[in-house]
Amino acid sequence: MFSKKKYLLLLVVFTSKTALSQCAMCKAVVENGDTSMAEGVNSGITYLMVFPYLLIGLLFFAIYRYNKKVNS
């Protein structure tokens, strides 16, 4: 079986390329030098990114609770 370190390594390897890529339109908007626009784009990205992680966290928590309930 895989250890936690190997799972973390696989996660980093498979997500690093997508984390470094960016949308061409977002880059064009931010390069104009308008800092308020750049802050808005960053806030929007953060807002959109939070919800999938919350859903995945809730899923893992539900699985954990279910396994804890079944095993005891």
Protein backbone atom coordinates (compact mmCIF):
# COMPACT_ATOMS: atom_id res chain seq x y z
CA MET A 1 0.00 0.00 0.00
CA PHE A 2 0.99 3.61 -0.48
CA SER A 3 2.13 5.66 2.45
CA LYS A 4 0.94 9.19 3.13
CA LYS A 5 4.17 10.63 1.71
CA LYS A 6 3.66 8.83 -1.59
CA TYR A 7 0.07 10.10 -1.83
CA LEU A 8 1.30 13.64 -1.20
CA LEU A 9 4.02 13.25 -3.82
CA LEU A 10 1.48 12.01 -6.39
CA LEU A 11 -0.81 14.91 -5.57
CA VAL A 12 1.99 17.44 -6.08
CA VAL A 13 3.14 15.84 -9.33
CA PHE A 14 -0.30 15.71 -10.90
CA THR A 15 -1.44 19.18 -9.82
CA SER A 16 1.75 21.22 -10.32
CA LYS A 17 1.32 21.73 -14.08
CA THR A 18 -2.28 22.91 -13.78
CA ALA A 19 -1.36 25.21 -10.91
CA LEU A 20 1.27 26.95 -13.05
CA SER A 21 -1.01 27.49 -16.05
CA GLN A 22 -3.21 30.55 -16.38
CA CYS A 23 -5.99 31.88 -18.55
CA ALA A 24 -4.85 34.12 -21.41
CA MET A 25 -7.77 36.55 -20.94
CA CYS A 26 -7.12 36.94 -17.22
CA LYS A 27 -3.47 37.64 -17.92
CA ALA A 28 -4.36 40.26 -20.56
CA VAL A 29 -6.73 42.05 -18.17
CA VAL A 30 -4.26 42.10 -15.30
CA GLU A 31 -1.30 43.24 -17.44
CA ASN A 32 -2.95 46.61 -18.13
CA GLY A 33 -1.68 47.84 -14.76
CA ASP A 34 -5.08 48.39 -13.11
CA THR A 35 -4.47 47.14 -9.57
CA SER A 36 -8.12 47.22 -8.55
CA MET A 37 -8.95 44.97 -11.53
CA ALA A 38 -6.13 42.59 -10.57
CA GLU A 39 -7.37 42.43 -6.98
CA GLY A 40 -10.89 41.70 -8.25
CA VAL A 41 -9.64 38.89 -10.47
CA ASN A 42 -7.65 37.40 -7.58
CA SER A 43 -10.64 37.61 -5.24
CA GLY A 44 -12.88 35.96 -7.82
CA ILE A 45 -10.43 33.12 -8.36
CA THR A 46 -10.13 32.56 -4.62
CA TYR A 47 -13.91 32.61 -4.21
CA LEU A 48 -14.39 30.05 -6.98
CA MET A 49 -11.57 27.86 -5.68
CA VAL A 50 -12.85 27.57 -2.09
CA PHE A 51 -16.09 25.72 -2.75
CA PRO A 52 -14.71 22.59 -4.45
CA TYR A 53 -12.26 22.16 -1.57
CA LEU A 54 -15.08 22.55 0.96
CA LEU A 55 -17.16 19.95 -0.85
CA ILE A 56 -14.27 17.50 -1.01
CA GLY A 57 -13.55 18.10 2.67
CA LEU A 58 -17.18 17.45 3.58
CA LEU A 59 -17.13 14.26 1.50
CA PHE A 60 -14.03 12.97 3.27
CA PHE A 61 -15.49 13.92 6.64
CA ALA A 62 -18.71 12.03 5.84
CA ILE A 63 -16.70 8.98 4.74
CA TYR A 64 -14.62 9.17 7.92
CA ARG A 65 -17.73 9.39 10.12
CA TYR A 66 -19.37 6.51 8.24
CA ASN A 67 -16.29 4.29 8.61
CA LYS A 68 -15.96 5.19 12.29
CA LYS A 69 -19.63 4.32 12.87
CA VAL A 70 -19.41 0.99 10.98
CA ASN A 71 -16.17 -0.13 12.67
CA SER A 72 -17.32 0.55 16.23
